[in-house]
Amino acid sequence: MPDKDMLIRLFYKLDTSGDGSVSRKELFEGLQRAGVSPTILQRLMERLDLNGDGVITLCEYKTAIGANK
């Protein structure tokens, strides 16, 4: 299992617009290049986007990976 610091760095890499959140487009573009399938990407989006607005905020991301503690 990756450590939480590495997962936080991944969030910032995926946030290509630099707005402090990861859009569906940023998630899909970033992880498809790494070979992640569209089905897995959809599941990730559903798990990480806690309020269902199509954007993953840093707070949502930290909550989803258990880094808010």
PDB file of N, CA and C in Angstrom:
ATOM      1  N   MET A   1       0.853  -1.192   0.000  1.00  0.00           N
ATOM      2  CA  MET A   1       0.000   0.000   0.000  1.00  0.00           C
ATOM      3  C   MET A   1       0.888   1.241   0.000  1.00  0.00           C
ATOM      4  N   PRO A   2       0.637   2.173  -0.919  1.00  0.00           N
ATOM      5  CA  PRO A   2       1.431   3.404  -0.963  1.00  0.00           C
ATOM      6  C   PRO A   2       1.229   4.228   0.308  1.00  0.00           C
ATOM      7  N   ASP A   3       2.275   4.969   0.695  1.00  0.00           N
ATOM      8  CA  ASP A   3       2.116   5.800   1.883  1.00  0.00           C
ATOM      9  C   ASP A   3       1.309   7.060   1.547  1.00  0.00           C
ATOM     10  N   LYS A   4       0.779   7.675   2.577  1.00  0.00           N
ATOM     11  CA  LYS A   4      -0.122   8.817   2.384  1.00  0.00           C
ATOM     12  C   LYS A   4       0.578  10.014   1.762  1.00  0.00           C
ATOM     13  N   ASP A   5       1.849  10.238   2.098  1.00  0.00           N
ATOM     14  CA  ASP A   5       2.587  11.353   1.492  1.00  0.00           C
ATOM     15  C   ASP A   5       2.704  11.178  -0.015  1.00  0.00           C
ATOM     16  N   MET A   6       2.965   9.952  -0.455  1.00  0.00           N
ATOM     17  CA  MET A   6       3.064   9.679  -1.881  1.00  0.00           C
ATOM     18  C   MET A   6       1.717   9.903  -2.570  1.00  0.00           C
ATOM     19  N   LEU A   7       0.638   9.512  -1.907  1.00  0.00           N
ATOM     20  CA  LEU A   7      -0.696   9.712  -2.477  1.00  0.00           C
ATOM     21  C   LEU A   7      -1.046  11.200  -2.563  1.00  0.00           C
ATOM     22  N   ILE A   8      -0.611  11.991  -1.588  1.00  0.00           N
ATOM     23  CA  ILE A   8      -0.847  13.439  -1.638  1.00  0.00           C
ATOM     24  C   ILE A   8      -0.055  14.047  -2.795  1.00  0.00           C
ATOM     25  N   ARG A   9       1.176  13.606  -2.998  1.00  0.00           N
ATOM     26  CA  ARG A   9       1.965  14.101  -4.141  1.00  0.00           C
ATOM     27  C   ARG A   9       1.270  13.759  -5.457  1.00  0.00           C
ATOM     28  N   LEU A  10       0.667  12.579  -5.531  1.00  0.00           N
ATOM     29  CA  LEU A  10      -0.073  12.189  -6.731  1.00  0.00           C
ATOM     30  C   LEU A  10      -1.227  13.150  -6.984  1.00  0.00           C
ATOM     31  N   PHE A  11      -1.938  13.541  -5.926  1.00  0.00           N
ATOM     32  CA  PHE A  11      -3.036  14.500  -6.079  1.00  0.00           C
ATOM     33  C   PHE A  11      -2.528  15.766  -6.766  1.00  0.00           C
ATOM     34  N   TYR A  12      -1.423  16.305  -6.285  1.00  0.00           N
ATOM     35  CA  TYR A  12      -0.891  17.544  -6.862  1.00  0.00           C
ATOM     36  C   TYR A  12      -0.403  17.353  -8.292  1.00  0.00           C
ATOM     37  N   LYS A  13       0.090  16.167  -8.631  1.00  0.00           N
ATOM     38  CA  LYS A  13       0.480  15.892 -10.019  1.00  0.00           C
ATOM     39  C   LYS A  13      -0.744  15.837 -10.929  1.00  0.00           C
ATOM     40  N   LEU A  14      -1.828  15.264 -10.417  1.00  0.00           N
ATOM     41  CA  LEU A  14      -3.053  15.164 -11.216  1.00  0.00           C
ATOM     42  C   LEU A  14      -3.723  16.517 -11.398  1.00  0.00           C
ATOM     43  N   ASP A  15      -3.530  17.417 -10.451  1.00  0.00           N
ATOM     44  CA  ASP A  15      -4.127  18.759 -10.503  1.00  0.00           C
ATOM     45  C   ASP A  15      -3.331  19.634 -11.467  1.00  0.00           C
ATOM     46  N   THR A  16      -3.473  19.361 -12.762  1.00  0.00           N
ATOM     47  CA  THR A  16      -2.678  20.067 -13.766  1.00  0.00           C
ATOM     48  C   THR A  16      -3.065  21.529 -13.923  1.00  0.00           C
ATOM     49  N   SER A  17      -4.270  21.900 -13.524  1.00  0.00           N
ATOM     50  CA  SER A  17      -4.695  23.303 -13.619  1.00  0.00           C
ATOM     51  C   SER A  17      -4.189  24.124 -12.440  1.00  0.00           C
ATOM     52  N   GLY A  18      -3.768  23.448 -11.377  1.00  0.00           N
ATOM     53  CA  GLY A  18      -3.258  24.139 -10.202  1.00  0.00           C
ATOM     54  C   GLY A  18      -4.311  24.835  -9.367  1.00  0.00           C
ATOM     55  N   ASP A  19      -5.576  24.415  -9.512  1.00  0.00           N
ATOM     56  CA  ASP A  19      -6.657  25.082  -8.777  1.00  0.00           C
ATOM     57  C   ASP A  19      -6.970  24.435  -7.428  1.00  0.00           C
ATOM     58  N   GLY A  20      -6.190  23.434  -7.039  1.00  0.00           N
ATOM     59  CA  GLY A  20      -6.398  22.796  -5.741  1.00  0.00           C
ATOM     60  C   GLY A  20      -7.431  21.693  -5.742  1.00  0.00           C
ATOM     61  N   SER A  21      -7.879  21.294  -6.928  1.00  0.00           N
ATOM     62  CA  SER A  21      -8.822  20.188  -7.041  1.00  0.00           C
ATOM     63  C   SER A  21      -8.493  19.398  -8.305  1.00  0.00           C
ATOM     64  N   VAL A  22      -9.020  18.185  -8.374  1.00  0.00           N
ATOM     65  CA  VAL A  22      -8.797  17.326  -9.533  1.00  0.00           C
ATOM     66  C   VAL A  22     -10.139  17.082 -10.202  1.00  0.00           C
ATOM     67  N   SER A  23     -10.253  17.541 -11.433  1.00  0.00           N
ATOM     68  CA  SER A  23     -11.487  17.324 -12.193  1.00  0.00           C
ATOM     69  C   SER A  23     -11.507  15.899 -12.738  1.00  0.00           C
ATOM     70  N   ARG A  24     -12.667  15.503 -13.183  1.00  0.00           N
ATOM     71  CA  ARG A  24     -12.808  14.187 -13.819  1.00  0.00           C
ATOM     72  C   ARG A  24     -11.823  14.069 -14.985  1.00  0.00           C
ATOM     73  N   LYS A  25     -11.740  15.130 -15.785  1.00  0.00           N
ATOM     74  CA  LYS A  25     -10.844  15.138 -16.945  1.00  0.00           C
ATOM     75  C   LYS A  25      -9.387  14.970 -16.508  1.00  0.00           C
ATOM     76  N   GLU A  26      -8.964  15.701 -15.480  1.00  0.00           N
ATOM     77  CA  GLU A  26      -7.586  15.591 -14.997  1.00  0.00           C
ATOM     78  C   GLU A  26      -7.295  14.181 -14.486  1.00  0.00           C
ATOM     79  N   LEU A  27      -8.232  13.609 -13.744  1.00  0.00           N
ATOM     80  CA  LEU A  27      -8.058  12.256 -13.216  1.00  0.00           C
ATOM     81  C   LEU A  27      -7.911  11.257 -14.356  1.00  0.00           C
ATOM     82  N   PHE A  28      -8.826  11.335 -15.322  1.00  0.00           N
ATOM     83  CA  PHE A  28      -8.818  10.378 -16.421  1.00  0.00           C
ATOM     84  C   PHE A  28      -7.565  10.539 -17.276  1.00  0.00           C
ATOM     85  N   GLU A  29      -7.212  11.782 -17.625  1.00  0.00           N
ATOM     86  CA  GLU A  29      -6.027  11.999 -18.460  1.00  0.00           C
ATOM     87  C   GLU A  29      -4.754  11.555 -17.747  1.00  0.00           C
ATOM     88  N   GLY A  30      -4.637  11.877 -16.479  1.00  0.00           N
ATOM     89  CA  GLY A  30      -3.432  11.531 -15.737  1.00  0.00           C
ATOM     90  C   GLY A  30      -3.253  10.045 -15.531  1.00  0.00           C
ATOM     91  N   LEU A  31      -4.324   9.355 -15.221  1.00  0.00           N
ATOM     92  CA  LEU A  31      -4.196   7.935 -14.902  1.00  0.00           C
ATOM     93  C   LEU A  31      -4.322   7.026 -16.119  1.00  0.00           C
ATOM     94  N   GLN A  32      -4.966   7.483 -17.186  1.00  0.00           N
ATOM     95  CA  GLN A  32      -5.007   6.672 -18.409  1.00  0.00           C
ATOM     96  C   GLN A  32      -3.605   6.529 -18.987  1.00  0.00           C
ATOM     97  N   ARG A  33      -2.808   7.598 -18.879  1.00  0.00           N
ATOM     98  CA  ARG A  33      -1.416   7.524 -19.354  1.00  0.00           C
ATOM     99  C   ARG A  33      -0.631   6.473 -18.579  1.00  0.00           C
ATOM    100  N   ALA A  34      -1.045   6.223 -17.347  1.00  0.00           N
ATOM    101  CA  ALA A  34      -0.379   5.217 -16.516  1.00  0.00           C
ATOM    102  C   ALA A  34      -0.955   3.819 -16.748  1.00  0.00           C
ATOM    103  N   GLY A  35      -1.918   3.705 -17.663  1.00  0.00           N
ATOM    104  CA  GLY A  35      -2.464   2.403 -18.014  1.00  0.00           C
ATOM    105  C   GLY A  35      -3.664   1.955 -17.202  1.00  0.00           C
ATOM    106  N   VAL A  36      -4.284   2.872 -16.462  1.00  0.00           N
ATOM    107  CA  VAL A  36      -5.464   2.523 -15.667  1.00  0.00           C
ATOM    108  C   VAL A  36      -6.676   2.450 -16.598  1.00  0.00           C
ATOM    109  N   SER A  37      -7.467   1.405 -16.467  1.00  0.00           N
ATOM    110  CA  SER A  37      -8.608   1.197 -17.358  1.00  0.00           C
ATOM    111  C   SER A  37      -9.737   2.184 -17.063  1.00  0.00           C
ATOM    112  N   PRO A  38     -10.566   2.486 -18.068  1.00  0.00           N
ATOM    113  CA  PRO A  38     -11.702   3.383 -17.860  1.00  0.00           C
ATOM    114  C   PRO A  38     -12.650   2.914 -16.755  1.00  0.00           C
ATOM    115  N   THR A  39     -12.833   1.610 -16.618  1.00  0.00           N
ATOM    116  CA  THR A  39     -13.710   1.087 -15.564  1.00  0.00           C
ATOM    117  C   THR A  39     -13.159   1.422 -14.183  1.00  0.00           C
ATOM    118  N   ILE A  40     -11.877   1.223 -13.992  1.00  0.00           N
ATOM    119  CA  ILE A  40     -11.237   1.542 -12.711  1.00  0.00           C
ATOM    120  C   ILE A  40     -11.272   3.046 -12.470  1.00  0.00           C
ATOM    121  N   LEU A  41     -11.053   3.834 -13.514  1.00  0.00           N
ATOM    122  CA  LEU A  41     -11.103   5.289 -13.377  1.00  0.00           C
ATOM    123  C   LEU A  41     -12.478   5.750 -12.921  1.00  0.00           C
ATOM    124  N   GLN A  42     -13.517   5.160 -13.474  1.00  0.00           N
ATOM    125  CA  GLN A  42     -14.877   5.519 -13.065  1.00  0.00           C
ATOM    126  C   GLN A  42     -15.103   5.182 -11.595  1.00  0.00           C
ATOM    127  N   ARG A  43     -14.649   4.017 -11.177  1.00  0.00           N
ATOM    128  CA  ARG A  43     -14.794   3.622  -9.768  1.00  0.00           C
ATOM    129  C   ARG A  43     -14.018   4.553  -8.842  1.00  0.00           C
ATOM    130  N   LEU A  44     -12.816   4.931  -9.257  1.00  0.00           N
ATOM    131  CA  LEU A  44     -12.023   5.874  -8.466  1.00  0.00           C
ATOM    132  C   LEU A  44     -12.746   7.203  -8.311  1.00  0.00           C
ATOM    133  N   MET A  45     -13.285   7.698  -9.417  1.00  0.00           N
ATOM    134  CA  MET A  45     -13.997   8.977  -9.366  1.00  0.00           C
ATOM    135  C   MET A  45     -15.162   8.890  -8.392  1.00  0.00           C
ATOM    136  N   GLU A  46     -15.911   7.811  -8.448  1.00  0.00           N
ATOM    137  CA  GLU A  46     -17.055   7.636  -7.550  1.00  0.00           C
ATOM    138  C   GLU A  46     -16.624   7.572  -6.087  1.00  0.00           C
ATOM    139  N   ARG A  47     -15.496   6.940  -5.819  1.00  0.00           N
ATOM    140  CA  ARG A  47     -15.010   6.814  -4.437  1.00  0.00           C
ATOM    141  C   ARG A  47     -14.386   8.093  -3.909  1.00  0.00           C
ATOM    142  N   LEU A  48     -13.698   8.828  -4.768  1.00  0.00           N
ATOM    143  CA  LEU A  48     -12.965  10.012  -4.319  1.00  0.00           C
ATOM    144  C   LEU A  48     -13.817  11.275  -4.309  1.00  0.00           C
ATOM    145  N   ASP A  49     -14.757  11.384  -5.223  1.00  0.00           N
ATOM    146  CA  ASP A  49     -15.629  12.563  -5.309  1.00  0.00           C
ATOM    147  C   ASP A  49     -16.795  12.369  -4.341  1.00  0.00           C
ATOM    148  N   LEU A  50     -16.546  12.666  -3.088  1.00  0.00           N
ATOM    149  CA  LEU A  50     -17.496  12.325  -2.026  1.00  0.00           C
ATOM    150  C   LEU A  50     -18.841  13.028  -2.144  1.00  0.00           C
ATOM    151  N   ASN A  51     -18.876  14.244  -2.692  1.00  0.00           N
ATOM    152  CA  ASN A  51     -20.160  14.943  -2.804  1.00  0.00           C
ATOM    153  C   ASN A  51     -20.770  14.840  -4.201  1.00  0.00           C
ATOM    154  N   GLY A  52     -20.105  14.138  -5.114  1.00  0.00           N
ATOM    155  CA  GLY A  52     -20.668  13.872  -6.431  1.00  0.00           C
ATOM    156  C   GLY A  52     -20.750  15.054  -7.372  1.00  0.00           C
ATOM    157  N   ASP A  53     -19.912  16.081  -7.160  1.00  0.00           N
ATOM    158  CA  ASP A  53     -19.984  17.270  -8.015  1.00  0.00           C
ATOM    159  C   ASP A  53     -19.055  17.220  -9.222  1.00  0.00           C
ATOM    160  N   GLY A  54     -18.353  16.105  -9.415  1.00  0.00           N
ATOM    161  CA  GLY A  54     -17.473  15.969 -10.572  1.00  0.00           C
ATOM    162  C   GLY A  54     -16.068  16.496 -10.357  1.00  0.00           C
ATOM    163  N   VAL A  55     -15.774  16.939  -9.140  1.00  0.00           N
ATOM    164  CA  VAL A  55     -14.465  17.487  -8.801  1.00  0.00           C
ATOM    165  C   VAL A  55     -14.017  16.875  -7.480  1.00  0.00           C
ATOM    166  N   ILE A  56     -12.757  16.487  -7.407  1.00  0.00           N
ATOM    167  CA  ILE A  56     -12.197  15.936  -6.171  1.00  0.00           C
ATOM    168  C   ILE A  56     -11.377  17.031  -5.505  1.00  0.00           C
ATOM    169  N   THR A  57     -11.848  17.505  -4.366  1.00  0.00           N
ATOM    170  CA  THR A  57     -11.082  18.507  -3.625  1.00  0.00           C
ATOM    171  C   THR A  57     -10.000  17.806  -2.806  1.00  0.00           C
ATOM    172  N   LEU A  58      -9.024  18.573  -2.357  1.00  0.00           N
ATOM    173  CA  LEU A  58      -7.977  17.990  -1.523  1.00  0.00           C
ATOM    174  C   LEU A  58      -8.573  17.404  -0.249  1.00  0.00           C
ATOM    175  N   CYS A  59      -9.562  18.078   0.318  1.00  0.00           N
ATOM    176  CA  CYS A  59     -10.213  17.583   1.532  1.00  0.00           C
ATOM    177  C   CYS A  59     -10.904  16.239   1.272  1.00  0.00           C
ATOM    178  N   GLU A  60     -11.636  16.132   0.164  1.00  0.00           N
ATOM    179  CA  GLU A  60     -12.286  14.863  -0.188  1.00  0.00           C
ATOM    180  C   GLU A  60     -11.241  13.764  -0.376  1.00  0.00           C
ATOM    181  N   TYR A  61     -10.184  14.110  -1.068  1.00  0.00           N
ATOM    182  CA  TYR A  61      -9.120  13.149  -1.351  1.00  0.00           C
ATOM    183  C   TYR A  61      -8.484  12.645  -0.062  1.00  0.00           C
ATOM    184  N   LYS A  62      -8.146  13.585   0.823  1.00  0.00           N
ATOM    185  CA  LYS A  62      -7.533  13.196   2.097  1.00  0.00           C
ATOM    186  C   LYS A  62      -8.478  12.326   2.916  1.00  0.00           C
ATOM    187  N   THR A  63      -9.758  12.665   2.909  1.00  0.00           N
ATOM    188  CA  THR A  63     -10.741  11.851   3.626  1.00  0.00           C
ATOM    189  C   THR A  63     -10.788  10.440   3.041  1.00  0.00           C
ATOM    190  N   ALA A  64     -10.830  10.345   1.722  1.00  0.00           N
ATOM    191  CA  ALA A  64     -10.937   9.049   1.056  1.00  0.00           C
ATOM    192  C   ALA A  64      -9.715   8.163   1.294  1.00  0.00           C
ATOM    193  N   ILE A  65      -8.531   8.764   1.415  1.00  0.00           N
ATOM    194  CA  ILE A  65      -7.326   7.949   1.622  1.00  0.00           C
ATOM    195  C   ILE A  65      -6.945   7.832   3.096  1.00  0.00           C
ATOM    196  N   GLY A  66      -7.764   8.432   3.963  1.00  0.00           N
ATOM    197  CA  GLY A  66      -7.515   8.336   5.400  1.00  0.00           C
ATOM    198  C   GLY A  66      -6.390   9.217   5.894  1.00  0.00           C
ATOM    199  N   ALA A  67      -6.146  10.335   5.218  1.00  0.00           N
ATOM    200  CA  ALA A  67      -5.044  11.226   5.594  1.00  0.00           C
ATOM    201  C   ALA A  67      -5.514  12.442   6.378  1.00  0.00           C
ATOM    202  N   ASN A  68      -6.769  12.487   6.771  1.00  0.00           N
ATOM    203  CA  ASN A  68      -7.295  13.632   7.524  1.00  0.00           C
ATOM    204  C   ASN A  68      -7.084  13.483   9.017  1.00  0.00           C
ATOM    205  N   LYS A  69      -6.417  12.452   9.426  1.00  0.00           N
ATOM    206  CA  LYS A  69      -6.253  12.186  10.860  1.00  0.00           C
ATOM    207  C   LYS A  69      -4.957  12.740  11.364  1.00  0.00           C
TER     208      LYS A  69
END
